[in-house]
Every structure is written in structure tokens, then in C-alpha cells.
Amino acid sequence: MTRTTASMPQGRLIKPPSLLEVEHITVRFGGVRALDDASLRVNTGEIVGLIGPNGAGKTTFFNCVSGVLKPDSGRVVFDGHELGDLPPHRRSRLGLARTFQNLQLFSGLTALENLMVAVDARSQRGMLADAFRTPLARLEERKAEERARAVLHFLHLSDRADTLAGDLPVGLQRRLDLGRALVGRPRVLLLDEPAAGLDTRETAELAELLLRVRDRFNVTMLLVDHDMALVMRVCDHIYVLDFGEMLTQGPPAQIRQDETVIRAYLGEAVV
């Protein structure tokens, strides 16, 4: 018996769904426009890069997306829902997580404890449950430890589980910071200069790790970094921010050959 296969209907190519959209964001600090009608979209499953020189407005852009800063105009839409005035912790619960350029780990806690704290932050149990060590509290604590250990294993940090975060080298602290974001099962991960302080070998390892993270955790990413080799290696699409305005956008191959970008930001083509 011959099996027939239905053919795909002919027509316009449908773009993948947009998971994060930032539309016409403007931010003023006094008479200075830190962002001027800046827009960006991140489709499900993509790693999107945002580049530009110091002072271009990248951190301000991230602060608007994560809820740290309210823009003067424009909007942030996550999975079809406008986020409005939602604070950072509410956005995190929706699946929007962030790492920071300036590491904000609990240096006096172990690597394992840092991740368990991040899991506990999303728990629904109250203080009384913890105080009286109720069955629910004990169960959730076991689940938090299991989740934390699983992420540490994926990041090859299991052997550092009991090491104080402050005693880890910078490269491993960066990895732990990534793990702290991942334990919350984010749908979109905002990566703020994850290669800061890393050497060439560590940055190459980070690039491979980010690609594995996307596949293993099914997470979409928006990446800001000055290391163009990292950005070109991992990103599907890149936006270029110039004094608060989006100068251009496109796939890495296009950005790599853009004369304006090469001259203003890269200095030379990246091979």
C-alpha cells in the first residue's frame, strides 16, 4: 500500500513566533536621550546580539526589558503580553531572567547554596512553613537541591558545589551566575557581558556552553557583549546600537561586512 504525504501549502513564508518584542523605547535622563525610538525583536529559539560602544545605551536597554527602568515611551512585549509596570521579580516569574556584568553572587555561600537560593526565590511556601520545617518545606528543599545539583552537573561545576562562590576564579563565577539564572527555568535569558574578565580560551568555552544551554534548556537569549568573536560565533541575528538609536541589524555575516559597523565598532572585519 502506497502512503501519500500531504504537501505543504504554497504561499508566504511564515516567520517564527516573536517571543520578546521591544517597541519604540525612548529613555531620557534630563536633556539626554539614552534611548531614542529603539526597537528589537527576539524570535523563539534565537540567540540575538546587541552591540555598540560604551555609552550606546545597551545597559539602559537591558534595564527597560528586565523592569529595572521604566521607559518614557514605548513598550516591552513578552510572549504576546505587554509587561507595562511589572517589576523585575514579576518578570522573572514569567520566564524572563538576567545575568549581570558586575557579578552579584553571594560570595559567602557555596556554589550549591547560590543556586538553591535562586530556586527558593520562586517558591510559593511561606516563612512559617520554613520555620516549622513542615513536610512541604522539606519536600521543596529537596527539590531545590536536586535542581541545583543538576544544573551544576551540566555546567561541569559539581566538584565545586561546596566551594564558596567568592573563592571561585572569575571564569567559574561567570558560569555559576549563568546557572543561577537557569535554575528558574527561564524562557528568555538576558546575558549582560557574560565574557567580561574572561581570557580567549574561556571565552571560546563560553561560546560553546551558550549553544549547549540553548539546546538543553530550550531557552531564547538576548546577548550584550564587547567580544565580537563571541557575538559572531553564537548569535543568529545582531542589532547595533549607536548613541541610543538602532543603527542597523542583520545576521552575523551581514554585520561583519557592514562598513559602518566595521569602522565605528569593530575596527576591522571579524573572520
Protein backbone atom coordinates (compact mmCIF):
# COMPACT_ATOMS: atom_id res chain seq x y z
CA MET A 1 0.00 0.00 0.00
CA THR A 2 1.41 3.33 -1.01
CA ARG A 3 1.47 6.05 1.62
CA THR A 4 0.84 9.57 0.42
CA THR A 5 2.29 12.60 2.13
CA ALA A 6 0.40 15.87 2.24
CA SER A 7 2.35 18.64 0.64
CA MET A 8 2.97 21.94 2.36
CA PRO A 9 0.66 24.68 1.10
CA GLN A 10 2.34 27.18 -1.15
CA GLY A 11 2.46 30.79 -0.03
CA ARG A 12 4.30 33.38 2.03
CA LEU A 13 7.00 32.06 4.36
CA ILE A 14 5.83 32.37 7.98
CA LYS A 15 8.42 33.81 10.36
CA PRO A 16 8.95 32.02 13.69
CA PRO A 17 6.91 33.48 16.56
CA SER A 18 8.39 36.50 18.30
CA LEU A 19 8.86 35.76 21.99
CA LEU A 20 10.23 39.16 23.02
CA GLU A 21 9.47 42.48 21.33
CA VAL A 22 10.77 45.87 22.40
CA GLU A 23 8.91 48.57 20.52
CA HIS A 24 9.96 52.22 20.12
CA ILE A 25 11.64 52.58 23.52
CA THR A 26 12.73 56.10 24.46
CA VAL A 27 14.52 56.97 27.72
CA ARG A 28 15.59 60.48 28.72
CA PHE A 29 17.97 61.43 31.51
CA GLY A 30 17.46 65.16 31.79
CA GLY A 31 18.07 66.57 28.33
CA VAL A 32 19.96 63.47 27.15
CA ARG A 33 18.22 60.70 25.22
CA ALA A 34 19.84 57.45 26.34
CA LEU A 35 17.49 55.55 24.02
CA ASP A 36 15.69 57.09 21.07
CA ASP A 37 12.85 55.09 19.50
CA ALA A 38 14.80 51.82 19.78
CA SER A 39 13.09 48.59 18.73
CA LEU A 40 14.19 44.95 18.74
CA ARG A 41 12.61 41.52 18.43
CA VAL A 42 13.79 38.09 19.52
CA ASN A 43 12.19 35.02 17.99
CA THR A 44 11.72 31.78 19.89
CA GLY A 45 14.92 29.73 19.97
CA GLU A 46 17.20 32.52 18.76
CA ILE A 47 20.32 33.99 20.28
CA VAL A 48 20.19 37.69 19.40
CA GLY A 49 23.13 40.04 19.95
CA LEU A 50 23.00 43.72 20.90
CA ILE A 51 26.30 45.53 20.30
CA GLY A 52 27.60 49.08 20.38
CA PRO A 53 30.32 51.18 22.05
CA ASN A 54 30.35 52.22 25.69
CA GLY A 55 27.59 54.75 26.26
CA ALA A 56 25.49 53.49 23.36
CA GLY A 57 22.59 52.65 25.70
CA LYS A 58 22.88 48.86 25.94
CA THR A 59 22.59 48.69 29.73
CA THR A 60 19.69 51.15 29.67
CA PHE A 61 18.01 48.93 27.08
CA PHE A 62 18.50 45.84 29.28
CA ASN A 63 17.17 47.72 32.31
CA CYS A 64 13.98 48.55 30.40
CA VAL A 65 13.50 44.94 29.33
CA SER A 66 14.14 43.50 32.81
CA GLY A 67 11.95 46.08 34.56
CA VAL A 68 14.66 47.93 36.46
CA LEU A 69 13.88 51.09 34.50
CA LYS A 70 10.59 52.39 33.12
CA PRO A 71 10.95 53.96 29.66
CA ASP A 72 9.46 57.38 28.90
CA SER A 73 7.67 55.85 25.93
CA GLY A 74 7.47 52.55 24.10
CA ARG A 75 6.65 49.10 25.37
CA VAL A 76 8.07 45.66 26.12
CA VAL A 77 6.01 42.67 24.98
CA PHE A 78 6.80 39.16 26.24
CA ASP A 79 5.02 36.20 24.67
CA GLY A 80 2.27 38.47 23.41
CA HIS A 81 1.68 40.24 26.73
CA GLU A 82 2.70 43.82 27.37
CA LEU A 83 4.76 43.94 30.57
CA GLY A 84 3.89 47.54 31.45
CA ASP A 85 4.99 48.40 35.00
CA LEU A 86 5.73 44.83 36.11
CA PRO A 87 8.77 44.83 38.48
CA PRO A 88 11.80 42.59 37.85
CA HIS A 89 10.72 39.76 40.20
CA ARG A 90 7.34 39.50 38.46
CA ARG A 91 9.04 39.39 35.06
CA SER A 92 11.35 36.70 36.36
CA ARG A 93 8.39 34.57 37.38
CA LEU A 94 7.03 34.90 33.84
CA GLY A 95 10.28 33.45 32.50
CA LEU A 96 12.49 36.49 31.87
CA ALA A 97 15.86 36.01 33.61
CA ARG A 98 19.03 38.13 33.60
CA THR A 99 22.73 37.84 34.37
CA PHE A 100 24.83 40.88 35.26
CA GLN A 101 28.13 42.31 34.06
CA ASN A 102 29.08 43.03 37.67
CA LEU A 103 28.75 39.64 39.33
CA GLN A 104 26.17 39.64 42.10
CA LEU A 105 26.75 36.20 43.59
CA PHE A 106 26.52 35.54 47.32
CA SER A 107 30.26 35.25 47.90
CA GLY A 108 29.82 33.82 51.41
CA LEU A 109 27.59 30.95 50.21
CA THR A 110 28.71 27.84 48.38
CA ALA A 111 28.07 27.32 44.68
CA LEU A 112 25.28 24.89 45.55
CA GLU A 113 23.70 27.31 48.03
CA ASN A 114 23.75 30.14 45.46
CA LEU A 115 21.65 28.05 43.10
CA MET A 116 19.34 26.79 45.84
CA VAL A 117 18.62 30.38 46.90
CA ALA A 118 17.63 31.15 43.31
CA VAL A 119 15.24 28.16 43.27
CA ASP A 120 13.77 29.15 46.65
CA ALA A 121 13.10 32.67 45.37
CA ARG A 122 10.42 31.20 43.09
CA SER A 123 8.87 29.03 45.83
CA GLN A 124 5.28 29.62 46.93
CA ARG A 125 5.75 28.41 50.50
CA GLY A 126 5.67 30.90 53.36
CA MET A 127 8.02 31.73 56.22
CA LEU A 128 6.02 29.66 58.72
CA ALA A 129 6.50 26.54 56.61
CA ASP A 130 10.26 27.08 56.73
CA ALA A 131 10.28 27.97 60.43
CA PHE A 132 8.40 24.80 61.45
CA ARG A 133 10.08 22.56 58.85
CA THR A 134 6.76 21.32 57.52
CA PRO A 135 6.65 18.36 55.12
CA LEU A 136 6.04 20.82 52.27
CA ALA A 137 9.12 22.84 53.24
CA ARG A 138 11.29 19.73 53.42
CA LEU A 139 9.99 18.46 50.09
CA GLU A 140 10.62 21.75 48.30
CA GLU A 141 14.09 21.98 49.82
CA ARG A 142 14.94 18.53 48.44
CA LYS A 143 13.61 19.53 45.05
CA ALA A 144 15.63 22.76 45.13
CA GLU A 145 18.81 20.84 45.90
CA GLU A 146 18.13 18.31 43.16
CA ARG A 147 17.52 21.08 40.64
CA ALA A 148 20.64 22.96 41.73
CA ARG A 149 22.84 19.88 41.55
CA ALA A 150 21.51 19.00 38.09
CA VAL A 151 22.41 22.46 36.77
CA LEU A 152 25.84 22.34 38.44
CA HIS A 153 26.43 18.98 36.74
CA PHE A 154 25.50 20.39 33.34
CA LEU A 155 27.89 23.32 33.87
CA HIS A 156 30.70 20.98 35.00
CA LEU A 157 30.69 22.55 38.45
CA SER A 158 29.71 19.52 40.52
CA ASP A 159 33.20 19.29 42.00
CA ARG A 160 32.85 22.91 43.18
CA ALA A 161 29.41 22.51 44.77
CA ASP A 162 30.77 23.06 48.29
CA THR A 163 33.22 25.83 47.34
CA LEU A 164 32.37 29.37 48.42
CA ALA A 165 31.35 31.41 45.38
CA GLY A 166 33.85 34.12 46.34
CA ASP A 167 36.72 31.60 46.17
CA LEU A 168 35.96 30.56 42.58
CA PRO A 169 38.00 32.03 39.71
CA VAL A 170 36.19 34.59 37.57
CA GLY A 171 35.52 32.14 34.75
CA LEU A 172 33.72 29.74 37.09
CA GLN A 173 31.87 32.59 38.77
CA ARG A 174 30.53 33.58 35.35
CA ARG A 175 29.39 30.01 34.82
CA LEU A 176 27.75 29.93 38.25
CA ASP A 177 25.95 33.21 37.51
CA LEU A 178 24.58 31.60 34.36
CA GLY A 179 23.49 28.58 36.39
CA ARG A 180 21.69 30.78 38.89
CA ALA A 181 19.58 32.15 36.04
CA LEU A 182 18.96 28.71 34.56
CA VAL A 183 17.59 27.07 37.72
CA GLY A 184 14.50 29.25 37.39
CA ARG A 185 13.69 27.63 34.04
CA PRO A 186 13.63 30.90 32.06
CA ARG A 187 12.17 31.18 28.59
CA VAL A 188 14.28 34.24 27.72
CA LEU A 189 17.74 34.84 29.17
CA LEU A 190 19.24 38.34 29.13
CA LEU A 191 23.03 38.00 29.15
CA ASP A 192 24.84 41.19 30.19
CA GLU A 193 28.55 40.97 29.25
CA PRO A 194 28.97 37.27 30.15
CA ALA A 195 32.54 37.26 28.76
CA ALA A 196 33.73 40.18 30.92
CA GLY A 197 37.01 39.24 32.62
CA LEU A 198 37.47 36.03 30.60
CA ASP A 199 40.55 35.17 28.57
CA THR A 200 40.45 33.91 24.98
CA ARG A 201 40.19 30.23 25.93
CA GLU A 202 37.47 30.86 28.49
CA THR A 203 35.50 32.97 26.00
CA ALA A 204 35.67 30.18 23.41
CA GLU A 205 34.42 27.73 26.04
CA LEU A 206 31.62 30.14 26.93
CA ALA A 207 30.51 30.29 23.30
CA GLU A 208 30.18 26.52 23.13
CA LEU A 209 28.42 26.49 26.51
CA LEU A 210 25.80 29.03 25.41
CA LEU A 211 24.97 26.97 22.36
CA ARG A 212 24.60 23.87 24.52
CA VAL A 213 22.45 25.79 27.01
CA ARG A 214 20.08 26.86 24.24
CA ASP A 215 19.66 23.27 23.08
CA ARG A 216 19.47 21.63 26.52
CA PHE A 217 17.23 24.16 28.26
CA ASN A 218 15.26 25.33 25.22
CA VAL A 219 15.95 28.92 26.15
CA THR A 220 15.97 32.03 23.95
CA MET A 221 18.73 34.60 24.58
CA LEU A 222 19.45 38.30 24.17
CA LEU A 223 23.20 38.86 24.47
CA VAL A 224 25.18 42.05 25.09
CA ASP A 225 28.96 41.71 24.89
CA HIS A 226 32.00 43.59 23.59
CA ASP A 227 33.75 40.39 22.49
CA MET A 228 32.88 40.30 18.81
CA ALA A 229 34.28 36.81 18.30
CA LEU A 230 31.74 35.54 20.88
CA VAL A 231 28.86 37.54 19.40
CA MET A 232 29.61 36.44 15.84
CA ARG A 233 30.02 32.82 16.92
CA VAL A 234 26.76 32.33 18.79
CA CYS A 235 24.24 34.89 17.51
CA ASP A 236 21.61 34.24 14.84
CA HIS A 237 20.84 37.95 14.47
CA ILE A 238 22.58 41.13 15.65
CA TYR A 239 21.35 44.66 16.38
CA VAL A 240 23.77 47.60 16.50
CA LEU A 241 23.01 50.44 18.90
CA ASP A 242 24.54 53.86 18.23
CA PHE A 243 24.01 56.71 20.73
CA GLY A 244 20.62 55.31 21.72
CA GLU A 245 19.41 54.59 18.18
CA MET A 246 19.38 51.30 16.31
CA LEU A 247 21.95 51.83 13.58
CA THR A 248 21.41 48.57 11.73
CA GLN A 249 20.51 44.92 12.16
CA GLY A 250 21.07 41.64 10.37
CA PRO A 251 22.67 38.19 10.51
CA PRO A 252 26.34 37.99 11.59
CA ALA A 253 27.62 37.68 8.01
CA GLN A 254 25.92 40.94 7.06
CA ILE A 255 27.05 42.80 10.18
CA ARG A 256 30.59 41.52 9.68
CA GLN A 257 30.73 43.16 6.26
CA ASP A 258 28.87 46.37 7.12
CA GLU A 259 31.36 49.19 6.56
CA THR A 260 29.70 51.49 9.08
CA VAL A 261 29.81 48.85 11.78
CA ILE A 262 33.38 47.86 10.98
CA ARG A 263 34.54 51.43 11.11
CA ALA A 264 32.60 52.51 14.19
CA TYR A 265 32.56 49.42 16.39
CA LEU A 266 34.67 46.53 15.21
CA GLY A 267 37.69 48.34 13.84
CA GLU A 268 38.16 45.53 11.31
CA ALA A 269 36.24 42.64 9.86
CA VAL A 270 35.92 39.62 12.12
CA VAL A 271 36.93 36.37 10.46
